[in-house]
Each structure stands twice: as C-alpha cells, then as structure tokens.
Amino acid sequence: MKPRILFLTFKPPYPYTDGGKICTWGTIKAIVKADGQVDLLTLSYKEDRASEELIREGAKEQLRNVYVQTIDATPSLKKVGESLFSKYPDRTLRFFDKKVAGFIKEVLSTGSYDMIIFDHLSTGQYLHYLLHENIKLPVTIYRSHNIESEIWEGMQKVTQNPFLKLFLSVEVPKIRTFEKWMAKTVNYVWSLSPEDIAQYRAWNVSQDKLKLIRSPFVNIPEPIDLPSRPPQKVVLTHVGSLGWLPNEYSMQRFINDIFPALYETYGVNVILGGKRSEQFNKYEGVTGLGFVDDVKKVIASSPFFFIPVYVGSGIKIKLLEALAYQRIVITTSKGAQGFEGRHRDHILIADSVDEWKGSIEWVLNNWDKAVAMAKRGRKLVETLYSVDSVAEDMRLFFESI
C-alpha cells in the first residue's frame, strides 16, 4: 500500500530550526521512507515564514506537492481578548483562517487522499471546521507532539505574572477539553511516547486508536568522541530556544536554584546557545551566546550537556540530539519525560541541588562508566529514533488499516 497523505502542519518544518520542526520534518521523511505519498500543506506567518528552501527540499525529499498558506498568527491583546469569550483555546484559534480552511476543502476534493494528518494541536481548528461543514474526510490522524495542556498548566502554577496567570486559568481548561475532543474524534492518534499514550487512556481515549510513533531524528550525526579522562573543569552546555516561555522559566530556575551550588563546589561553568540565551550573561560563570549557526560546535565544546526542564510535556528533541552526539546528558525528571532510556544507563536524572552535585561527582569519579553510558545513549537513539526505525513502524501501521 502506498497511501496518499495530506500532511497539515501549523509552521514550516524546513529549515528545522527548533525541536518541533525537527520532529515534523523527521516524521515526513519517515512517511516517505515507508512509501507514503505526501502532499505537505503548511501555514506561514510573520513569526515563521515559509521559504524557498522548503520548496526545494520538499522536491528533494520526493514530496508530491508543497502548499504554503499565509495567515496572520501574530499574538495581540485583541486576539487574546476575543479568545477569552470563545469556548476554543487561543492555541488553536490563532492559527485558524477561513480562507485556508476553504483551500483545504478544495485540496481534499481533488486529491483522492487515503489519510489526512493534523500535525500538532494547533491545526485542530481545521478538523473542527471540516467536520462542521460535513466534508467527507479520509482516515484522520492527530499527530500529537505532547500533552499541550500539561505545559500551560505548569506555567499557570509557577508564573509570577498576574495577567498570564489569569489568562491561563481560562486557557488551560479549554486546551484540555480541545485535546480530549481531538483525540476522541480522529481515527488514530500518533503519540511520541508511552507516557503520552497513558494520559490519553486516562482520558478514556480508545486504546485501538492510540499508536506509538516515535519522533525520528532527521539525520543522526556522527558521534563526537569523548576524552579518555575527565575534564579538569566542568562545563555544562545547552542549546535551545530560550524565547519559548517554559524554556526560559526552566533555565532561570536552574540558574537561580541549582547553579550557585555547582559553581561554588566544583567551579562549574555554563555555556548557553540559542535565542535569548544572552540574557543570562549577567550571571558569573554563565556565557550566553545568543542564536548559534553551528550547534555542533557548542555541543562539542564539553562532554556535558544539561537540560533543566521544570515545565513541559513530551519528549525533548534536544535530549535526543545531545545523545546522538554522544554527550553525557544530565536532565531533570521532567526533562526525561517520554524518553525510553534509564537513569545511569543512558542519561543522568537530577532534580535537587544534591542530585545535581551527585551526578557531576559520579561522572568525575566514574569516567569510564559515564563514557559507556553516553555510548549506550547514542545507540538507543540509533535504535528507536532513526528515520529507518520509525518508517518501519509506519509501514506496519499503513498495512494494518
């Protein structure tokens, strides 16, 4: 079976400049590898415009068509105000455009598709529209990147901004209600981790429609060799957008609550790469590089990679990337959520100050074991999160329906 698939996503997946895009583009590559015939339909807007690179790369990856639809998704007080009086969440309304919905109707009427994939919750308003218009749909799949309501519920609990807290007190229940509706409405849900599947089951989503389709890493890079001896100075590196509110909050919490003890005890330094990382330059021992073109260069600068996550949901693509480069990864319990590896077998998990200090001490005193752990982490990424591996799971799925 070579299924004809319309893949609808809410932001251009190429160039893949963040974890969500890596996740989406890797999935598209895996679908093609599994003999799927893909038409990609992506939204494009001021904050994330589609480029000619997407069209060229789409042709290179043998996509049948790449459709780009321009919308206005810029957040504003007016839109937030309107969403407060809607039963639908701002996270879906902001990406809905009636003209785009009409274009999707037209494409569906002429494309003879076997499936339509709604990539991320933000595309869900289009599913709602199509059903309301009584459009005959092919097999519907919701590709769930994470449990979206969990992210914003976490931010609601920790934010000190009274306006954000008030907005999220209204927004979070609507996101959760919409997530449940979407999962129960589509024919299948592609979840990235067993934890996400467990949450959908807790929401009484049928087990038959829940499928574990992991997030494939677009191109697994060559590993970076680790030194034969532990470094004399411990440097923790991190690359990721700190313009994303949950990421910014998590890094700020780490710098405030954990880092001072590491700096005092071990002389630990931190190097951050990514959007808005330069805001942390005011802290002694911390270097924020801002946006970096060469992620590998930053990751290669130290054997250690750290991922402090206190608010979030779903598997972290930056964790897979660091493991693929064969780094010694230290993360929080929330940062390890969705990852199918184990503590001290593939990664190190630390939440409290003592656990972070203990993890660094364990690595320095057990260097050979730490290196072996990093190699096992790399191997796990190759085994579970490669395009080839995920494509095989997709092929079995396509054959089963």
Protein backbone atom coordinates (compact mmCIF):
# COMPACT_ATOMS: atom_id res chain seq x y z
CA MET A 1 0.00 0.00 0.00
CA LYS A 2 1.27 3.45 -0.95
CA PRO A 3 -1.08 5.74 0.94
CA ARG A 4 -1.78 9.21 -0.39
CA ILE A 5 -1.46 11.58 2.54
CA LEU A 6 -2.27 15.24 3.11
CA PHE A 7 0.04 16.43 5.91
CA LEU A 8 -1.20 19.64 7.54
CA THR A 9 1.20 21.45 9.86
CA PHE A 10 0.99 24.83 11.57
CA LYS A 11 4.53 26.07 10.85
CA PRO A 12 7.07 25.47 8.07
CA PRO A 13 9.05 22.35 9.07
CA TYR A 14 12.12 23.25 6.99
CA PRO A 15 14.68 24.58 7.71
CA TYR A 16 14.32 22.71 11.00
CA THR A 17 15.48 25.33 13.49
CA ASP A 18 13.76 24.02 16.62
CA GLY A 19 12.71 20.75 18.21
CA GLY A 20 9.17 20.85 16.87
CA LYS A 21 10.40 21.31 13.30
CA ILE A 22 12.97 18.53 13.65
CA CYS A 23 10.16 16.32 14.89
CA THR A 24 7.85 17.21 12.00
CA TRP A 25 10.43 17.04 9.22
CA GLY A 26 11.76 13.72 10.53
CA THR A 27 8.21 12.35 10.51
CA ILE A 28 7.68 13.47 6.91
CA LYS A 29 10.94 11.78 5.88
CA ALA A 30 9.84 8.59 7.65
CA ILE A 31 6.45 8.62 5.90
CA VAL A 32 8.17 8.90 2.51
CA LYS A 33 10.58 6.14 3.53
CA ALA A 34 7.53 3.99 4.34
CA ASP A 35 6.23 4.56 0.78
CA GLY A 36 3.76 7.26 1.73
CA GLN A 37 2.92 9.78 -0.99
CA VAL A 38 2.88 13.12 0.80
CA ASP A 39 1.34 16.47 -0.02
CA LEU A 40 2.56 18.95 2.59
CA LEU A 41 0.33 21.90 3.49
CA THR A 42 2.00 24.36 5.84
CA LEU A 43 0.90 27.63 7.35
CA SER A 44 3.22 30.61 7.01
CA TYR A 45 3.15 33.84 9.04
CA LYS A 46 5.25 36.79 10.12
CA GLU A 47 6.93 34.98 13.01
CA ASP A 48 7.65 31.87 10.92
CA ARG A 49 7.59 32.37 7.18
CA ALA A 50 7.95 29.55 4.68
CA SER A 51 10.97 29.99 2.41
CA GLU A 52 12.09 28.77 -0.97
CA GLU A 53 14.31 26.31 0.88
CA LEU A 54 11.19 24.41 1.94
CA ILE A 55 10.01 24.08 -1.65
CA ARG A 56 13.43 22.90 -2.86
CA GLU A 57 13.90 20.47 -0.01
CA GLY A 58 10.36 19.16 -0.46
CA ALA A 59 11.17 18.28 -4.06
CA LYS A 60 14.43 16.67 -2.96
CA GLU A 61 12.57 14.54 -0.41
CA GLN A 62 10.10 13.50 -3.15
CA LEU A 63 7.02 15.19 -1.72
CA ARG A 64 4.29 15.30 -4.34
CA ASN A 65 3.28 18.88 -3.56
CA VAL A 66 4.15 21.60 -1.06
CA TYR A 67 1.31 24.04 -0.42
CA VAL A 68 2.02 27.23 1.51
CA GLN A 69 -0.84 29.23 3.03
CA THR A 70 -0.14 32.63 4.56
CA ILE A 71 -2.04 33.68 7.69
CA ASP A 72 -1.84 36.32 10.41
CA ALA A 73 -0.89 34.47 13.61
CA THR A 74 0.72 37.39 15.43
CA PRO A 75 -0.38 37.39 19.08
CA SER A 76 -2.23 40.52 20.18
CA LEU A 77 -4.32 41.75 23.07
CA LYS A 78 -7.29 41.90 20.71
CA LYS A 79 -6.96 38.22 19.81
CA VAL A 80 -6.42 37.21 23.41
CA GLY A 81 -9.49 39.19 24.40
CA GLU A 82 -11.56 37.51 21.69
CA SER A 83 -10.36 34.06 22.73
CA LEU A 84 -11.45 34.69 26.32
CA PHE A 85 -15.05 34.80 25.11
CA SER A 86 -14.69 31.70 22.91
CA LYS A 87 -15.07 28.10 24.01
CA TYR A 88 -11.98 27.28 21.93
CA PRO A 89 -8.39 27.90 23.08
CA ASP A 90 -6.18 30.66 21.74
CA ARG A 91 -3.62 27.95 20.86
CA THR A 92 -5.93 26.72 18.07
CA LEU A 93 -7.85 29.87 17.16
CA ARG A 94 -4.67 31.85 16.49
CA PHE A 95 -3.74 29.55 13.61
CA PHE A 96 -7.19 29.28 12.05
CA ASP A 97 -8.00 31.17 8.88
CA LYS A 98 -11.27 30.77 6.96
CA LYS A 99 -9.55 31.15 3.57
CA VAL A 100 -7.08 28.40 4.45
CA ALA A 101 -9.97 26.19 5.55
CA GLY A 102 -11.57 26.73 2.16
CA PHE A 103 -8.30 25.85 0.43
CA ILE A 104 -8.06 22.62 2.43
CA LYS A 105 -11.60 21.75 1.32
CA GLU A 106 -10.58 22.30 -2.30
CA VAL A 107 -7.42 20.21 -1.97
CA LEU A 108 -9.32 17.38 -0.31
CA SER A 109 -11.92 17.39 -3.07
CA THR A 110 -9.30 16.90 -5.79
CA GLY A 111 -6.53 14.95 -4.06
CA SER A 112 -8.09 11.50 -3.57
CA TYR A 113 -6.33 11.09 -0.25
CA ASP A 114 -6.27 7.99 1.91
CA MET A 115 -5.29 9.91 5.04
CA ILE A 116 -5.02 13.41 6.43
CA ILE A 117 -2.57 14.10 9.26
CA PHE A 118 -3.20 17.02 11.59
CA ASP A 119 0.25 17.83 12.93
CA HIS A 120 0.10 19.37 16.42
CA LEU A 121 -2.92 20.59 18.36
CA SER A 122 -2.69 24.00 16.65
CA THR A 123 -4.13 22.51 13.44
CA GLY A 124 -7.15 21.13 15.26
CA GLN A 125 -9.46 24.04 14.46
CA TYR A 126 -9.31 22.98 10.80
CA LEU A 127 -10.51 19.49 11.70
CA HIS A 128 -13.38 21.04 13.62
CA TYR A 129 -14.28 23.25 10.63
CA LEU A 130 -14.20 20.37 8.12
CA LEU A 131 -16.47 18.25 10.29
CA HIS A 132 -18.85 21.17 10.84
CA GLU A 133 -19.03 21.64 7.06
CA ASN A 134 -19.81 17.91 6.64
CA ILE A 135 -16.78 17.40 4.42
CA LYS A 136 -16.18 13.73 3.69
CA LEU A 137 -12.74 13.02 5.15
CA PRO A 138 -10.28 10.20 4.57
CA VAL A 139 -8.72 8.44 7.57
CA THR A 140 -7.88 11.15 10.11
CA ILE A 141 -4.70 11.12 12.21
CA TYR A 142 -3.78 13.52 15.00
CA ARG A 143 -0.02 13.68 15.37
CA SER A 144 0.32 14.70 19.00
CA HIS A 145 3.64 16.38 19.79
CA ASN A 146 2.88 16.36 23.52
CA ILE A 147 0.10 16.91 26.04
CA GLU A 148 -0.29 20.62 25.40
CA SER A 149 -2.46 21.37 28.41
CA GLU A 150 0.21 19.96 30.73
CA ILE A 151 2.73 22.56 29.56
CA TRP A 152 0.46 25.53 30.19
CA GLU A 153 -0.96 24.14 33.40
CA GLY A 154 2.63 24.03 34.67
CA MET A 155 3.20 27.65 33.63
CA GLN A 156 -0.06 28.68 35.31
CA LYS A 157 1.22 27.25 38.60
CA VAL A 158 4.67 28.85 38.53
CA THR A 159 4.30 32.20 36.75
CA GLN A 160 4.52 35.34 38.85
CA ASN A 161 2.85 37.40 36.11
CA PRO A 162 -0.72 38.02 37.37
CA PHE A 163 -2.08 38.68 33.85
CA LEU A 164 -0.58 35.47 32.44
CA LYS A 165 -1.83 33.51 35.44
CA LEU A 166 -5.35 34.88 34.92
CA PHE A 167 -5.28 34.17 31.18
CA LEU A 168 -4.00 30.62 31.69
CA SER A 169 -6.64 29.92 34.32
CA VAL A 170 -9.15 30.30 31.47
CA GLU A 171 -6.99 28.92 28.64
CA VAL A 172 -5.77 25.67 30.21
CA PRO A 173 -9.21 24.05 30.70
CA LYS A 174 -10.11 24.94 27.11
CA ILE A 175 -6.88 23.41 25.80
CA ARG A 176 -7.52 20.22 27.78
CA THR A 177 -11.12 19.98 26.55
CA PHE A 178 -9.99 20.51 22.95
CA GLU A 179 -7.21 17.91 23.28
CA LYS A 180 -9.67 15.33 24.54
CA TRP A 181 -12.12 16.17 21.76
CA MET A 182 -9.48 15.90 19.07
CA ALA A 183 -8.09 12.59 20.32
CA LYS A 184 -11.57 11.07 20.56
CA THR A 185 -12.69 12.44 17.19
CA VAL A 186 -9.89 11.31 14.85
CA ASN A 187 -9.47 7.74 13.68
CA TYR A 188 -5.95 7.47 15.10
CA VAL A 189 -3.60 9.35 17.41
CA TRP A 190 0.12 9.14 16.78
CA SER A 191 1.79 9.67 20.17
CA LEU A 192 5.53 10.16 20.64
CA SER A 193 5.89 8.31 23.94
CA PRO A 194 4.27 5.69 26.19
CA GLU A 195 3.65 8.43 28.80
CA ASP A 196 1.50 10.41 26.37
CA ILE A 197 -0.46 7.27 25.49
CA ALA A 198 -1.08 6.67 29.20
CA GLN A 199 -2.53 10.19 29.52
CA TYR A 200 -4.88 9.65 26.59
CA ARG A 201 -6.00 6.35 28.11
CA ALA A 202 -6.70 8.22 31.38
CA TRP A 203 -8.96 10.47 29.28
CA ASN A 204 -10.82 7.37 28.06
CA VAL A 205 -9.46 7.52 24.53
CA SER A 206 -9.78 4.08 22.97
CA GLN A 207 -6.60 2.00 23.07
CA ASP A 208 -7.27 0.85 19.50
CA LYS A 209 -6.72 4.32 18.07
CA LEU A 210 -3.54 5.11 20.07
CA LYS A 211 -0.34 4.33 18.19
CA LEU A 212 3.25 4.80 19.39
CA ILE A 213 5.00 6.54 16.50
CA ARG A 214 8.22 7.96 17.94
CA SER A 215 9.82 11.20 16.84
CA PRO A 216 12.53 10.39 14.28
CA PHE A 217 15.72 12.41 14.40
CA VAL A 218 16.14 13.92 10.92
CA ASN A 219 19.77 12.96 10.38
CA ILE A 220 21.63 11.16 13.15
CA PRO A 221 25.04 12.86 13.20
CA GLU A 222 28.39 11.23 13.64
CA PRO A 223 29.25 10.90 17.34
CA ILE A 224 31.76 13.25 18.93
CA ASP A 225 34.44 11.26 20.72
CA LEU A 226 34.68 11.74 24.47
CA PRO A 227 38.12 12.33 26.04
CA SER A 228 39.89 9.41 27.71
CA ARG A 229 39.98 11.27 31.03
CA PRO A 230 37.51 13.51 32.85
CA PRO A 231 37.96 17.23 32.20
CA GLN A 232 39.75 19.32 34.78
CA LYS A 233 36.99 21.94 34.55
CA VAL A 234 33.32 21.02 34.30
CA VAL A 235 31.39 22.98 31.66
CA LEU A 236 27.69 22.34 31.14
CA THR A 237 26.47 23.18 27.64
CA HIS A 238 22.93 23.70 26.42
CA VAL A 239 21.49 24.66 23.03
CA GLY A 240 17.82 25.56 22.68
CA SER A 241 15.47 28.49 22.24
CA LEU A 242 15.07 30.45 25.45
CA GLY A 243 12.49 32.62 23.74
CA TRP A 244 9.92 29.88 24.45
CA LEU A 245 8.40 30.83 27.81
CA PRO A 246 8.56 27.39 29.52
CA ASN A 247 12.22 27.01 28.46
CA GLU A 248 13.11 30.49 29.72
CA TYR A 249 11.41 29.85 33.05
CA SER A 250 13.17 26.49 33.48
CA MET A 251 16.62 27.89 32.72
CA GLN A 252 16.06 30.84 35.06
CA ARG A 253 15.05 28.47 37.83
CA PHE A 254 18.15 26.34 37.29
CA ILE A 255 20.46 29.38 37.30
CA ASN A 256 18.82 30.71 40.49
CA ASP A 257 18.33 27.50 42.47
CA ILE A 258 20.88 24.91 41.29
CA PHE A 259 23.79 26.59 39.59
CA PRO A 260 25.21 28.60 42.54
CA ALA A 261 25.99 25.40 44.46
CA LEU A 262 27.61 23.78 41.40
CA TYR A 263 29.68 26.89 40.78
CA GLU A 264 30.82 27.09 44.39
CA THR A 265 31.56 23.37 44.86
CA TYR A 266 33.01 22.35 41.50
CA GLY A 267 33.68 25.64 39.70
CA VAL A 268 31.12 24.62 37.09
CA ASN A 269 30.64 26.99 34.15
CA VAL A 270 27.65 27.10 31.82
CA ILE A 271 27.57 27.82 28.08
CA LEU A 272 24.16 28.53 26.54
CA GLY A 273 23.38 28.75 22.84
CA GLY A 274 20.04 29.70 21.35
CA LYS A 275 17.56 32.53 21.03
CA ARG A 276 17.63 34.94 24.02
CA SER A 277 20.36 32.98 25.81
CA GLU A 278 22.41 36.19 26.01
CA GLN A 279 20.07 37.42 28.76
CA PHE A 280 21.94 35.11 31.18
CA ASN A 281 25.32 36.78 30.65
CA LYS A 282 24.72 38.83 33.79
CA TYR A 283 25.46 35.76 35.93
CA GLU A 284 29.06 34.94 36.86
CA GLY A 285 30.13 31.66 35.31
CA VAL A 286 27.44 31.76 32.61
CA THR A 287 28.05 32.57 28.93
CA GLY A 288 25.03 33.16 26.69
CA LEU A 289 25.96 33.04 23.02
CA GLY A 290 22.61 34.03 21.55
CA PHE A 291 21.44 32.29 18.39
CA VAL A 292 24.14 29.97 17.03
CA ASP A 293 24.56 28.75 13.46
CA ASP A 294 26.77 25.80 14.42
CA VAL A 295 25.03 23.75 17.12
CA LYS A 296 27.64 21.01 16.87
CA LYS A 297 30.45 23.41 17.78
CA VAL A 298 28.75 24.32 21.05
CA ILE A 299 27.90 20.72 21.90
CA ALA A 300 31.46 19.59 21.10
CA SER A 301 32.96 22.16 23.48
CA SER A 302 32.24 19.96 26.51
CA PRO A 303 31.47 16.30 27.31
CA PHE A 304 28.48 17.51 29.35
CA PHE A 305 25.07 18.58 28.06
CA PHE A 306 22.37 19.64 30.51
CA ILE A 307 18.62 20.04 30.07
CA PRO A 308 16.87 21.68 33.03
CA VAL A 309 13.14 21.31 32.44
CA TYR A 310 10.62 22.15 35.16
CA VAL A 311 7.61 22.95 32.96
CA GLY A 312 6.89 20.94 29.84
CA SER A 313 5.46 17.83 28.26
CA GLY A 314 6.50 15.25 25.71
CA ILE A 315 9.92 14.03 24.65
CA LYS A 316 12.65 16.64 24.30
CA ILE A 317 14.31 16.66 20.88
CA LYS A 318 17.38 18.41 22.31
CA LEU A 319 17.88 15.34 24.54
CA LEU A 320 17.92 13.04 21.51
CA GLU A 321 20.29 15.42 19.72
CA ALA A 322 22.75 15.52 22.62
CA LEU A 323 22.69 11.73 22.92
CA ALA A 324 23.17 11.36 19.18
CA TYR A 325 26.36 13.41 19.53
CA GLN A 326 27.37 11.04 22.37
CA ARG A 327 27.30 13.55 25.19
CA ILE A 328 26.91 12.89 28.91
CA VAL A 329 23.41 14.22 29.48
CA ILE A 330 22.09 15.46 32.81
CA THR A 331 18.43 16.42 32.95
CA THR A 332 15.52 16.72 35.35
CA SER A 333 12.73 14.18 35.79
CA LYS A 334 10.51 16.41 33.67
CA GLY A 335 13.27 16.67 31.05
CA ALA A 336 13.46 12.87 30.86
CA GLN A 337 9.68 12.56 30.43
CA GLY A 338 8.79 10.49 27.38
CA PHE A 339 12.34 9.21 26.89
CA GLU A 340 12.63 5.44 26.95
CA GLY A 341 16.13 5.35 28.43
CA ARG A 342 17.05 4.92 32.10
CA HIS A 343 18.96 6.78 34.79
CA ARG A 344 22.69 5.90 34.80
CA ASP A 345 22.10 3.56 31.89
CA HIS A 346 21.60 6.21 29.17
CA ILE A 347 21.27 9.57 30.97
CA LEU A 348 21.56 11.10 34.44
CA ILE A 349 18.42 12.45 36.12
CA ALA A 350 18.73 15.11 38.82
CA ASP A 351 16.18 17.41 40.41
CA SER A 352 17.52 18.71 43.73
CA VAL A 353 20.82 20.52 44.33
CA ASP A 354 22.25 17.40 45.97
CA GLU A 355 21.23 15.25 43.00
CA TRP A 356 22.90 17.63 40.54
CA LYS A 357 26.06 17.69 42.64
CA GLY A 358 25.93 13.91 42.99
CA SER A 359 25.57 13.44 39.23
CA ILE A 360 28.64 15.56 38.48
CA GLU A 361 30.63 13.82 41.20
CA TRP A 362 29.60 10.39 39.89
CA VAL A 363 30.78 11.28 36.39
CA LEU A 364 34.14 12.61 37.59
CA ASN A 365 34.74 9.56 39.80
CA ASN A 366 33.41 7.01 37.30
CA TRP A 367 34.59 8.38 33.99
CA ASP A 368 34.73 5.05 32.14
CA LYS A 369 31.17 4.22 33.24
CA ALA A 370 29.98 7.68 32.20
CA VAL A 371 31.55 7.28 28.75
CA ALA A 372 29.93 3.86 28.38
CA MET A 373 26.60 5.40 29.41
CA ALA A 374 26.91 8.07 26.71
CA LYS A 375 27.64 5.40 24.11
CA ARG A 376 24.55 3.43 25.16
CA GLY A 377 22.51 6.63 24.88
CA ARG A 378 23.77 7.14 21.35
CA LYS A 379 22.92 3.52 20.48
CA LEU A 380 19.38 3.90 21.84
CA VAL A 381 18.78 6.92 19.60
CA GLU A 382 20.01 4.93 16.60
CA THR A 383 17.73 2.01 17.50
CA LEU A 384 14.49 3.78 18.39
CA TYR A 385 14.60 7.28 16.93
CA SER A 386 16.12 6.92 13.47
CA VAL A 387 14.10 7.62 10.32
CA ASP A 388 14.53 3.99 9.26
CA SER A 389 13.23 2.65 12.58
CA VAL A 390 10.19 4.93 12.66
CA ALA A 391 9.49 4.28 8.97
CA GLU A 392 9.21 0.57 9.72
CA ASP A 393 6.61 1.29 12.43
CA MET A 394 4.71 3.46 9.96
CA ARG A 395 4.83 0.81 7.29
CA LEU A 396 3.25 -1.69 9.69
CA PHE A 397 0.61 0.91 10.58
CA PHE A 398 -0.23 1.61 6.93
CA GLU A 399 -0.56 -2.11 6.24
CA SER A 400 -2.90 -2.57 9.20
CA ILE A 401 -5.62 -0.14 8.10
